[in-house]
Amino acid sequence: MLRHGYLKPPVPWHEVSLPSFGKFETKGLWIIQHEPQQPDIVIYYCHGGGFSMGSSYFYLEFLLAWQSMLKESGYRNPAIFALEYTLVPDATDPIQVAQTISGYDHVCSITNDPSRICLAGDSAGGTLQLSLLLRIGESGGNMSRLPGFATLISPWTTLVTPNNRDTPSDYLNAESLHLYGRQYAGTVANLNNPLVSPGVCKDQDWWARSSPSAGFYFMFGSEEAFGPEIRDLIVVLRKSGCAVRAREEPGSIHAWPVATLFLSDTQDERQKGLRDLTKMIRQVIK
């Protein structure tokens, strides 16, 4: 933010500690303009990084810009909770999913209304959010706990598959991705476990039980390595009766809304993806 002249954050934020899982701490960043007041929407964000790198702090500029856009769109007191989960190789499944569930429970305790929550995440963070939804919908008795919406940026839907392949434009490397995916899964059997690798779930009833009340919004690039599997999941979700919207950006790469915010030259280009996300959320969570 210093590169844009900010000596202090334009929106207040602080770190929150959640219950630990054994030796694994769980934390998150809480971003809100008016702390004492109830938020009228909460974005629950999980960052990407192949489960082995990245942090919510790296995304802080992205998240602060998003919070400001949500405020500009008409929300009274929008908030964002960004999860800090344990990375591979320090931990493998099921720790990260358990931490994601803990983060969701924390957000639910603040809003007291899951319909005011929008799940969000990019890449591996999208994997965790899809796993969270499948966990909620697994038994069919927890539908009142489902969030209002889910906006997923280039989610890593299936950990290991020939469909995750190199493209001439994308910066992702399929061989490295599959290495990270196997490390995160921990066991070979988990690569076929929908709660670990959500794209392997073809059970339409399970997805129907797991869908947010207003459905999903997917943003991804036409040139990215995960494109085929994201398209396949969209088909499965639509067959399941889920409301699904998608934006496949022509000629773009993995996680383009995040990448453009950091790399583009003009303000319009930098904010293009975030403005589209905000507009979609505003349409479904009034």
C-alpha atoms as a PDB file:
ATOM      1  CA  MET A   1       0.000   0.000   0.000  1.00  0.00           C
ATOM      2  CA  LEU A   2       2.975   2.296   0.508  1.00  0.00           C
ATOM      3  CA  ARG A   3       3.468   2.350  -3.264  1.00  0.00           C
ATOM      4  CA  HIS A   4       0.102   4.129  -3.529  1.00  0.00           C
ATOM      5  CA  GLY A   5       0.913   6.636  -0.797  1.00  0.00           C
ATOM      6  CA  TYR A   6      -0.914   5.001   2.128  1.00  0.00           C
ATOM      7  CA  LEU A   7       1.020   5.368   5.393  1.00  0.00           C
ATOM      8  CA  LYS A   8      -1.735   3.606   7.306  1.00  0.00           C
ATOM      9  CA  PRO A   9      -4.575   1.284   6.196  1.00  0.00           C
ATOM     10  CA  PRO A  10      -7.614   3.094   4.756  1.00  0.00           C
ATOM     11  CA  VAL A  11      -9.831   0.572   6.573  1.00  0.00           C
ATOM     12  CA  PRO A  12      -9.117  -0.791  10.069  1.00  0.00           C
ATOM     13  CA  TRP A  13      -8.076  -4.420  10.377  1.00  0.00           C
ATOM     14  CA  HIS A  14      -6.637  -6.705  13.025  1.00  0.00           C
ATOM     15  CA  GLU A  15      -5.647 -10.313  13.540  1.00  0.00           C
ATOM     16  CA  VAL A  16      -8.060 -12.752  15.187  1.00  0.00           C
ATOM     17  CA  SER A  17      -7.060 -15.991  16.912  1.00  0.00           C
ATOM     18  CA  LEU A  18      -9.353 -19.013  16.635  1.00  0.00           C
ATOM     19  CA  PRO A  19      -9.230 -22.361  18.476  1.00  0.00           C
ATOM     20  CA  SER A  20      -6.097 -24.341  17.660  1.00  0.00           C
ATOM     21  CA  PHE A  21      -5.997 -27.880  16.281  1.00  0.00           C
ATOM     22  CA  GLY A  22      -3.323 -29.529  18.370  1.00  0.00           C
ATOM     23  CA  LYS A  23      -0.117 -27.651  17.644  1.00  0.00           C
ATOM     24  CA  PHE A  24      -1.614 -25.880  14.633  1.00  0.00           C
ATOM     25  CA  GLU A  25      -2.732 -22.322  15.297  1.00  0.00           C
ATOM     26  CA  THR A  26      -5.657 -20.878  13.376  1.00  0.00           C
ATOM     27  CA  LYS A  27      -5.849 -17.155  12.758  1.00  0.00           C
ATOM     28  CA  GLY A  28      -7.453 -14.700  10.405  1.00  0.00           C
ATOM     29  CA  LEU A  29      -7.611 -11.043   9.428  1.00  0.00           C
ATOM     30  CA  TRP A  30     -10.761  -9.125  10.297  1.00  0.00           C
ATOM     31  CA  ILE A  31     -11.378  -6.068   8.117  1.00  0.00           C
ATOM     32  CA  ILE A  32     -14.276  -3.772   9.008  1.00  0.00           C
ATOM     33  CA  GLN A  33     -14.851  -0.018   9.034  1.00  0.00           C
ATOM     34  CA  HIS A  34     -17.071   0.200  12.114  1.00  0.00           C
ATOM     35  CA  GLU A  35     -16.096  -2.554  14.547  1.00  0.00           C
ATOM     36  CA  PRO A  36     -18.897  -2.148  17.121  1.00  0.00           C
ATOM     37  CA  GLN A  37     -21.615  -2.277  14.467  1.00  0.00           C
ATOM     38  CA  GLN A  38     -23.035  -5.477  12.995  1.00  0.00           C
ATOM     39  CA  PRO A  39     -21.798  -6.103   9.441  1.00  0.00           C
ATOM     40  CA  ASP A  40     -24.512  -6.356   6.813  1.00  0.00           C
ATOM     41  CA  ILE A  41     -22.314  -8.648   4.683  1.00  0.00           C
ATOM     42  CA  VAL A  42     -19.181 -10.665   5.399  1.00  0.00           C
ATOM     43  CA  ILE A  43     -16.825 -11.986   2.745  1.00  0.00           C
ATOM     44  CA  TYR A  44     -15.105 -15.108   4.089  1.00  0.00           C
ATOM     45  CA  TYR A  45     -11.882 -15.403   2.082  1.00  0.00           C
ATOM     46  CA  CYS A  46      -9.367 -18.234   1.715  1.00  0.00           C
ATOM     47  CA  HIS A  47      -6.165 -17.380  -0.129  1.00  0.00           C
ATOM     48  CA  GLY A  48      -4.432 -19.434  -2.797  1.00  0.00           C
ATOM     49  CA  GLY A  49      -0.838 -20.596  -3.107  1.00  0.00           C
ATOM     50  CA  GLY A  50      -0.967 -24.319  -3.830  1.00  0.00           C
ATOM     51  CA  PHE A  51      -1.489 -25.073  -0.102  1.00  0.00           C
ATOM     52  CA  SER A  52       2.261 -24.536   0.330  1.00  0.00           C
ATOM     53  CA  MET A  53       2.733 -20.764   0.128  1.00  0.00           C
ATOM     54  CA  GLY A  54       0.877 -17.498   0.452  1.00  0.00           C
ATOM     55  CA  SER A  55      -0.783 -15.605   3.263  1.00  0.00           C
ATOM     56  CA  SER A  56      -3.736 -13.323   3.851  1.00  0.00           C
ATOM     57  CA  TYR A  57      -1.215 -10.556   4.463  1.00  0.00           C
ATOM     58  CA  PHE A  58      -0.018 -10.856   0.863  1.00  0.00           C
ATOM     59  CA  TYR A  59      -3.639 -10.279  -0.235  1.00  0.00           C
ATOM     60  CA  LEU A  60      -4.216  -7.352   2.107  1.00  0.00           C
ATOM     61  CA  GLU A  61      -4.237  -4.668  -0.592  1.00  0.00           C
ATOM     62  CA  PHE A  62      -6.654  -6.786  -2.650  1.00  0.00           C
ATOM     63  CA  LEU A  63      -8.929  -7.310   0.365  1.00  0.00           C
ATOM     64  CA  LEU A  64      -8.900  -3.669   1.482  1.00  0.00           C
ATOM     65  CA  ALA A  65      -9.773  -2.552  -2.045  1.00  0.00           C
ATOM     66  CA  TRP A  66     -12.631  -5.065  -2.099  1.00  0.00           C
ATOM     67  CA  GLN A  67     -13.989  -3.871   1.231  1.00  0.00           C
ATOM     68  CA  SER A  68     -14.011  -0.287  -0.073  1.00  0.00           C
ATOM     69  CA  MET A  69     -15.855  -1.315  -3.237  1.00  0.00           C
ATOM     70  CA  LEU A  70     -18.465  -3.175  -1.197  1.00  0.00           C
ATOM     71  CA  LYS A  71     -19.015   0.004   0.821  1.00  0.00           C
ATOM     72  CA  GLU A  72     -19.313   2.066  -2.370  1.00  0.00           C
ATOM     73  CA  SER A  73     -21.863  -0.414  -3.738  1.00  0.00           C
ATOM     74  CA  GLY A  74     -24.293   0.393  -0.944  1.00  0.00           C
ATOM     75  CA  TYR A  75     -23.543  -1.931   1.956  1.00  0.00           C
ATOM     76  CA  ARG A  76     -23.668  -0.130   5.291  1.00  0.00           C
ATOM     77  CA  ASN A  77     -20.823  -1.925   7.076  1.00  0.00           C
ATOM     78  CA  PRO A  78     -19.214  -4.632   4.926  1.00  0.00           C
ATOM     79  CA  ALA A  79     -16.582  -6.855   6.506  1.00  0.00           C
ATOM     80  CA  ILE A  80     -14.033  -9.393   5.323  1.00  0.00           C
ATOM     81  CA  PHE A  81     -12.569 -12.292   7.283  1.00  0.00           C
ATOM     82  CA  ALA A  82      -9.488 -13.795   5.627  1.00  0.00           C
ATOM     83  CA  LEU A  83      -8.320 -17.139   6.993  1.00  0.00           C
ATOM     84  CA  GLU A  84      -4.706 -17.954   7.822  1.00  0.00           C
ATOM     85  CA  TYR A  85      -4.567 -21.740   7.472  1.00  0.00           C
ATOM     86  CA  THR A  86      -1.560 -24.007   8.043  1.00  0.00           C
ATOM     87  CA  LEU A  87       0.526 -24.653   4.946  1.00  0.00           C
ATOM     88  CA  VAL A  88       2.017 -27.849   3.564  1.00  0.00           C
ATOM     89  CA  PRO A  89       4.323 -29.516   4.612  1.00  0.00           C
ATOM     90  CA  ASP A  90       3.664 -28.373   8.194  1.00  0.00           C
ATOM     91  CA  ALA A  91       0.215 -29.970   7.978  1.00  0.00           C
ATOM     92  CA  THR A  92      -1.867 -31.908   5.489  1.00  0.00           C
ATOM     93  CA  ASP A  93      -5.538 -32.790   5.209  1.00  0.00           C
ATOM     94  CA  PRO A  94      -7.684 -32.773   7.366  1.00  0.00           C
ATOM     95  CA  ILE A  95      -6.125 -29.824   9.227  1.00  0.00           C
ATOM     96  CA  GLN A  96      -6.763 -27.171   6.562  1.00  0.00           C
ATOM     97  CA  VAL A  97     -10.423 -28.115   6.074  1.00  0.00           C
ATOM     98  CA  ALA A  98     -10.928 -28.190   9.857  1.00  0.00           C
ATOM     99  CA  GLN A  99      -9.440 -24.695  10.055  1.00  0.00           C
ATOM    100  CA  THR A 100     -11.712 -23.537   7.226  1.00  0.00           C
ATOM    101  CA  ILE A 101     -14.732 -24.846   9.115  1.00  0.00           C
ATOM    102  CA  SER A 102     -13.533 -23.097  12.277  1.00  0.00           C
ATOM    103  CA  GLY A 103     -13.228 -19.828  10.358  1.00  0.00           C
ATOM    104  CA  TYR A 104     -16.745 -20.242   9.009  1.00  0.00           C
ATOM    105  CA  ASP A 105     -18.109 -20.936  12.489  1.00  0.00           C
ATOM    106  CA  HIS A 106     -16.433 -17.727  13.667  1.00  0.00           C
ATOM    107  CA  VAL A 107     -18.029 -15.681  10.885  1.00  0.00           C
ATOM    108  CA  CYS A 108     -21.437 -17.256  11.559  1.00  0.00           C
ATOM    109  CA  SER A 109     -21.122 -16.275  15.228  1.00  0.00           C
ATOM    110  CA  ILE A 110     -20.680 -12.642  14.182  1.00  0.00           C
ATOM    111  CA  THR A 111     -23.453 -12.398  11.595  1.00  0.00           C
ATOM    112  CA  ASN A 112     -25.962 -14.759  13.235  1.00  0.00           C
ATOM    113  CA  ASP A 113     -27.300 -15.117   9.688  1.00  0.00           C
ATOM    114  CA  PRO A 114     -25.418 -17.319   7.190  1.00  0.00           C
ATOM    115  CA  SER A 115     -27.351 -15.769   4.303  1.00  0.00           C
ATOM    116  CA  ARG A 116     -25.275 -12.597   4.846  1.00  0.00           C
ATOM    117  CA  ILE A 117     -22.038 -14.537   4.252  1.00  0.00           C
ATOM    118  CA  CYS A 118     -20.338 -14.842   0.883  1.00  0.00           C
ATOM    119  CA  LEU A 119     -17.628 -17.482   0.615  1.00  0.00           C
ATOM    120  CA  ALA A 120     -14.700 -16.461  -1.555  1.00  0.00           C
ATOM    121  CA  GLY A 121     -11.272 -17.760  -2.452  1.00  0.00           C
ATOM    122  CA  ASP A 122      -8.780 -18.206  -5.234  1.00  0.00           C
ATOM    123  CA  SER A 123      -7.022 -21.363  -6.421  1.00  0.00           C
ATOM    124  CA  ALA A 124      -6.315 -23.600  -3.383  1.00  0.00           C
ATOM    125  CA  GLY A 125      -8.508 -21.291  -1.316  1.00  0.00           C
ATOM    126  CA  GLY A 126     -11.342 -22.162  -3.689  1.00  0.00           C
ATOM    127  CA  THR A 127     -10.661 -25.844  -3.003  1.00  0.00           C
ATOM    128  CA  LEU A 128     -11.078 -25.264   0.722  1.00  0.00           C
ATOM    129  CA  GLN A 129     -14.337 -23.374   0.255  1.00  0.00           C
ATOM    130  CA  LEU A 130     -15.775 -26.116  -1.963  1.00  0.00           C
ATOM    131  CA  SER A 131     -14.702 -28.687   0.648  1.00  0.00           C
ATOM    132  CA  LEU A 132     -16.434 -26.611   3.325  1.00  0.00           C
ATOM    133  CA  LEU A 133     -19.669 -26.597   1.328  1.00  0.00           C
ATOM    134  CA  LEU A 134     -19.527 -30.345   0.739  1.00  0.00           C
ATOM    135  CA  ARG A 135     -18.915 -30.916   4.439  1.00  0.00           C
ATOM    136  CA  ILE A 136     -21.967 -28.822   5.344  1.00  0.00           C
ATOM    137  CA  GLY A 137     -24.103 -30.658   2.761  1.00  0.00           C
ATOM    138  CA  GLU A 138     -22.747 -34.139   3.509  1.00  0.00           C
ATOM    139  CA  SER A 139     -25.486 -35.215   5.899  1.00  0.00           C
ATOM    140  CA  GLY A 140     -28.292 -33.096   4.475  1.00  0.00           C
ATOM    141  CA  GLY A 141     -29.289 -31.877   7.924  1.00  0.00           C
ATOM    142  CA  ASN A 142     -27.288 -28.656   8.040  1.00  0.00           C
ATOM    143  CA  MET A 143     -28.765 -26.663   5.159  1.00  0.00           C
ATOM    144  CA  SER A 144     -29.600 -23.772   7.496  1.00  0.00           C
ATOM    145  CA  ARG A 145     -25.824 -23.328   7.917  1.00  0.00           C
ATOM    146  CA  LEU A 146     -25.209 -22.757   4.221  1.00  0.00           C
ATOM    147  CA  PRO A 147     -23.927 -19.302   3.199  1.00  0.00           C
ATOM    148  CA  GLY A 148     -25.767 -16.918   0.935  1.00  0.00           C
ATOM    149  CA  PHE A 149     -23.343 -17.014  -1.994  1.00  0.00           C
ATOM    150  CA  ALA A 150     -19.937 -18.262  -3.145  1.00  0.00           C
ATOM    151  CA  THR A 151     -17.589 -16.373  -5.476  1.00  0.00           C
ATOM    152  CA  LEU A 152     -14.636 -18.503  -6.516  1.00  0.00           C
ATOM    153  CA  ILE A 153     -11.652 -17.258  -8.487  1.00  0.00           C
ATOM    154  CA  SER A 154      -9.930 -19.986 -10.529  1.00  0.00           C
ATOM    155  CA  PRO A 155     -10.671 -22.714  -7.969  1.00  0.00           C
ATOM    156  CA  TRP A 156      -8.434 -25.793  -7.967  1.00  0.00           C
ATOM    157  CA  THR A 157     -11.382 -28.146  -8.199  1.00  0.00           C
ATOM    158  CA  THR A 158      -9.599 -31.486  -8.764  1.00  0.00           C
ATOM    159  CA  LEU A 159      -6.177 -31.904  -7.179  1.00  0.00           C
ATOM    160  CA  VAL A 160      -4.647 -34.392  -9.608  1.00  0.00           C
ATOM    161  CA  THR A 161      -6.035 -35.026 -13.085  1.00  0.00           C
ATOM    162  CA  PRO A 162      -4.718 -35.043 -16.668  1.00  0.00           C
ATOM    163  CA  ASN A 163      -7.118 -32.166 -17.314  1.00  0.00           C
ATOM    164  CA  ASN A 164      -4.879 -29.864 -15.255  1.00  0.00           C
ATOM    165  CA  ARG A 165      -2.374 -29.145 -17.990  1.00  0.00           C
ATOM    166  CA  ASP A 166       0.135 -26.525 -19.029  1.00  0.00           C
ATOM    167  CA  THR A 167      -0.947 -23.831 -21.459  1.00  0.00           C
ATOM    168  CA  PRO A 168       1.214 -21.440 -23.498  1.00  0.00           C
ATOM    169  CA  SER A 169      -0.016 -18.400 -21.538  1.00  0.00           C
ATOM    170  CA  ASP A 170      -0.536 -19.500 -17.941  1.00  0.00           C
ATOM    171  CA  TYR A 171       2.165 -19.323 -15.292  1.00  0.00           C
ATOM    172  CA  LEU A 172       1.035 -22.534 -13.557  1.00  0.00           C
ATOM    173  CA  ASN A 173       2.929 -25.783 -14.093  1.00  0.00           C
ATOM    174  CA  ALA A 174       0.842 -28.953 -13.945  1.00  0.00           C
ATOM    175  CA  GLU A 175       3.668 -31.153 -12.667  1.00  0.00           C
ATOM    176  CA  SER A 176       4.347 -28.830  -9.732  1.00  0.00           C
ATOM    177  CA  LEU A 177       0.638 -28.477  -9.030  1.00  0.00           C
ATOM    178  CA  HIS A 178       0.196 -32.225  -8.805  1.00  0.00           C
ATOM    179  CA  LEU A 179       3.152 -32.451  -6.436  1.00  0.00           C
ATOM    180  CA  TYR A 180       1.562 -29.848  -4.168  1.00  0.00           C
ATOM    181  CA  GLY A 181      -1.816 -31.552  -4.475  1.00  0.00           C
ATOM    182  CA  ARG A 182      -0.438 -34.926  -3.411  1.00  0.00           C
ATOM    183  CA  GLN A 183       1.359 -33.330  -0.471  1.00  0.00           C
ATOM    184  CA  TYR A 184      -1.832 -31.622   0.679  1.00  0.00           C
ATOM    185  CA  ALA A 185      -3.956 -34.785   0.287  1.00  0.00           C
ATOM    186  CA  GLY A 186      -1.519 -36.770   2.407  1.00  0.00           C
ATOM    187  CA  THR A 187      -2.606 -40.146   1.029  1.00  0.00           C
ATOM    188  CA  VAL A 188      -3.335 -41.525  -2.419  1.00  0.00           C
ATOM    189  CA  ALA A 189      -6.848 -42.457  -1.316  1.00  0.00           C
ATOM    190  CA  ASN A 190      -7.618 -38.837  -0.476  1.00  0.00           C
ATOM    191  CA  LEU A 191      -7.120 -37.833  -4.105  1.00  0.00           C
ATOM    192  CA  ASN A 192     -10.496 -39.495  -4.739  1.00  0.00           C
ATOM    193  CA  ASN A 193     -12.151 -38.079  -1.631  1.00  0.00           C
ATOM    194  CA  PRO A 194     -14.628 -35.293  -2.552  1.00  0.00           C
ATOM    195  CA  LEU A 195     -14.018 -33.576   0.782  1.00  0.00           C
ATOM    196  CA  VAL A 196     -10.357 -33.179  -0.209  1.00  0.00           C
ATOM    197  CA  SER A 197     -10.594 -32.910  -3.997  1.00  0.00           C
ATOM    198  CA  PRO A 198     -14.123 -31.528  -4.606  1.00  0.00           C
ATOM    199  CA  GLY A 199     -14.069 -31.879  -8.386  1.00  0.00           C
ATOM    200  CA  VAL A 200     -14.224 -35.670  -8.113  1.00  0.00           C
ATOM    201  CA  CYS A 201     -17.730 -35.342  -6.629  1.00  0.00           C
ATOM    202  CA  LYS A 202     -20.278 -36.099  -9.359  1.00  0.00           C
ATOM    203  CA  ASP A 203     -23.127 -36.723  -6.901  1.00  0.00           C
ATOM    204  CA  GLN A 204     -25.755 -34.215  -7.991  1.00  0.00           C
ATOM    205  CA  ASP A 205     -27.826 -34.633  -4.830  1.00  0.00           C
ATOM    206  CA  TRP A 206     -24.785 -33.925  -2.658  1.00  0.00           C
ATOM    207  CA  TRP A 207     -23.997 -30.753  -4.593  1.00  0.00           C
ATOM    208  CA  ALA A 208     -27.655 -29.679  -4.403  1.00  0.00           C
ATOM    209  CA  ARG A 209     -27.497 -30.043  -0.614  1.00  0.00           C
ATOM    210  CA  SER A 210     -24.241 -28.077  -0.530  1.00  0.00           C
ATOM    211  CA  SER A 211     -25.140 -25.080  -2.669  1.00  0.00           C
ATOM    212  CA  PRO A 212     -25.311 -21.591  -1.153  1.00  0.00           C
ATOM    213  CA  SER A 213     -28.834 -20.206  -1.260  1.00  0.00           C
ATOM    214  CA  ALA A 214     -27.993 -17.820  -4.141  1.00  0.00           C
ATOM    215  CA  GLY A 215     -25.592 -20.246  -5.809  1.00  0.00           C
ATOM    216  CA  PHE A 216     -22.100 -19.775  -7.222  1.00  0.00           C
ATOM    217  CA  TYR A 217     -20.098 -17.311  -9.271  1.00  0.00           C
ATOM    218  CA  PHE A 218     -16.922 -18.567 -10.973  1.00  0.00           C
ATOM    219  CA  MET A 219     -14.256 -16.287 -12.440  1.00  0.00           C
ATOM    220  CA  PHE A 220     -11.392 -17.825 -14.377  1.00  0.00           C
ATOM    221  CA  GLY A 221      -9.230 -17.305 -17.440  1.00  0.00           C
ATOM    222  CA  SER A 222      -9.693 -19.062 -20.756  1.00  0.00           C
ATOM    223  CA  GLU A 223      -5.956 -19.838 -20.886  1.00  0.00           C
ATOM    224  CA  GLU A 224      -5.482 -21.239 -17.409  1.00  0.00           C
ATOM    225  CA  ALA A 225      -4.418 -24.735 -16.393  1.00  0.00           C
ATOM    226  CA  PHE A 226      -7.547 -25.374 -14.296  1.00  0.00           C
ATOM    227  CA  GLY A 227      -9.970 -24.309 -17.039  1.00  0.00           C
ATOM    228  CA  PRO A 228     -11.182 -27.766 -18.146  1.00  0.00           C
ATOM    229  CA  GLU A 229     -11.955 -28.928 -14.605  1.00  0.00           C
ATOM    230  CA  ILE A 230     -13.686 -25.660 -13.691  1.00  0.00           C
ATOM    231  CA  ARG A 231     -15.899 -25.984 -16.772  1.00  0.00           C
ATOM    232  CA  ASP A 232     -16.692 -29.600 -15.846  1.00  0.00           C
ATOM    233  CA  LEU A 233     -17.695 -28.622 -12.311  1.00  0.00           C
ATOM    234  CA  ILE A 234     -19.951 -25.875 -13.626  1.00  0.00           C
ATOM    235  CA  VAL A 235     -21.750 -28.463 -15.769  1.00  0.00           C
ATOM    236  CA  VAL A 236     -22.211 -30.794 -12.770  1.00  0.00           C
ATOM    237  CA  LEU A 237     -23.514 -27.973 -10.586  1.00  0.00           C
ATOM    238  CA  ARG A 238     -26.026 -26.854 -13.193  1.00  0.00           C
ATOM    239  CA  LYS A 239     -27.248 -30.425 -13.629  1.00  0.00           C
ATOM    240  CA  SER A 240     -27.654 -30.511  -9.844  1.00  0.00           C
ATOM    241  CA  GLY A 241     -30.038 -27.576 -10.027  1.00  0.00           C
ATOM    242  CA  CYS A 242     -27.612 -25.096  -8.485  1.00  0.00           C
ATOM    243  CA  ALA A 243     -27.665 -21.473  -9.602  1.00  0.00           C
ATOM    244  CA  VAL A 244     -24.347 -20.915 -11.356  1.00  0.00           C
ATOM    245  CA  ARG A 245     -22.954 -17.797 -12.983  1.00  0.00           C
ATOM    246  CA  ALA A 246     -19.541 -17.737 -14.601  1.00  0.00           C
ATOM    247  CA  ARG A 247     -17.143 -15.336 -16.248  1.00  0.00           C
ATOM    248  CA  GLU A 248     -14.442 -16.938 -18.373  1.00  0.00           C
ATOM    249  CA  GLU A 249     -12.167 -14.056 -19.297  1.00  0.00           C
ATOM    250  CA  PRO A 250     -10.846 -14.454 -22.886  1.00  0.00           C
ATOM    251  CA  GLY A 251      -7.074 -14.732 -23.119  1.00  0.00           C
ATOM    252  CA  SER A 252      -6.600 -14.486 -19.358  1.00  0.00           C
ATOM    253  CA  ILE A 253      -4.599 -16.595 -16.934  1.00  0.00           C
ATOM    254  CA  HIS A 254      -5.058 -18.187 -13.541  1.00  0.00           C
ATOM    255  CA  ALA A 255      -6.573 -15.964 -10.820  1.00  0.00           C
ATOM    256  CA  TRP A 256      -6.654 -12.983 -13.161  1.00  0.00           C
ATOM    257  CA  PRO A 257      -8.698 -10.701 -10.837  1.00  0.00           C
ATOM    258  CA  VAL A 258      -5.938 -11.000  -8.229  1.00  0.00           C
ATOM    259  CA  ALA A 259      -3.075 -10.786 -10.726  1.00  0.00           C
ATOM    260  CA  THR A 260      -4.433  -7.711 -12.495  1.00  0.00           C
ATOM    261  CA  LEU A 261      -4.818  -5.786  -9.255  1.00  0.00           C
ATOM    262  CA  PHE A 262      -1.089  -6.112  -8.619  1.00  0.00           C
ATOM    263  CA  LEU A 263       0.238  -6.015 -12.186  1.00  0.00           C
ATOM    264  CA  SER A 264      -1.958  -3.790 -14.382  1.00  0.00           C
ATOM    265  CA  ASP A 265      -1.004  -0.215 -15.220  1.00  0.00           C
ATOM    266  CA  THR A 266      -4.353   1.579 -15.058  1.00  0.00           C
ATOM    267  CA  GLN A 267      -6.852   1.789 -12.225  1.00  0.00           C
ATOM    268  CA  ASP A 268      -9.662   0.488 -14.437  1.00  0.00           C
ATOM    269  CA  GLU A 269      -7.684  -2.624 -15.359  1.00  0.00           C
ATOM    270  CA  ARG A 270      -6.511  -3.177 -11.798  1.00  0.00           C
ATOM    271  CA  GLN A 271     -10.031  -3.041 -10.401  1.00  0.00           C
ATOM    272  CA  LYS A 272     -11.881  -4.770 -13.228  1.00  0.00           C
ATOM    273  CA  GLY A 273     -12.182  -8.164 -11.577  1.00  0.00           C
ATOM    274  CA  LEU A 274     -13.033  -6.841  -8.124  1.00  0.00           C
ATOM    275  CA  ARG A 275     -15.724  -4.542  -9.497  1.00  0.00           C
ATOM    276  CA  ASP A 276     -17.325  -7.448 -11.320  1.00  0.00           C
ATOM    277  CA  LEU A 277     -17.269  -9.577  -8.147  1.00  0.00           C
ATOM    278  CA  THR A 278     -18.782  -6.743  -6.127  1.00  0.00           C
ATOM    279  CA  LYS A 279     -21.523  -6.115  -8.675  1.00  0.00           C
ATOM    280  CA  MET A 280     -22.478  -9.802  -8.706  1.00  0.00           C
ATOM    281  CA  ILE A 281     -22.557 -10.049  -4.913  1.00  0.00           C
ATOM    282  CA  ARG A 282     -24.679  -6.912  -4.665  1.00  0.00           C
ATOM    283  CA  GLN A 283     -27.241  -8.442  -7.023  1.00  0.00           C
ATOM    284  CA  VAL A 284     -27.790 -11.541  -4.878  1.00  0.00           C
ATOM    285  CA  ILE A 285     -27.175 -10.345  -1.310  1.00  0.00           C
ATOM    286  CA  LYS A 286     -29.272  -7.189  -1.009  1.00  0.00           C
END
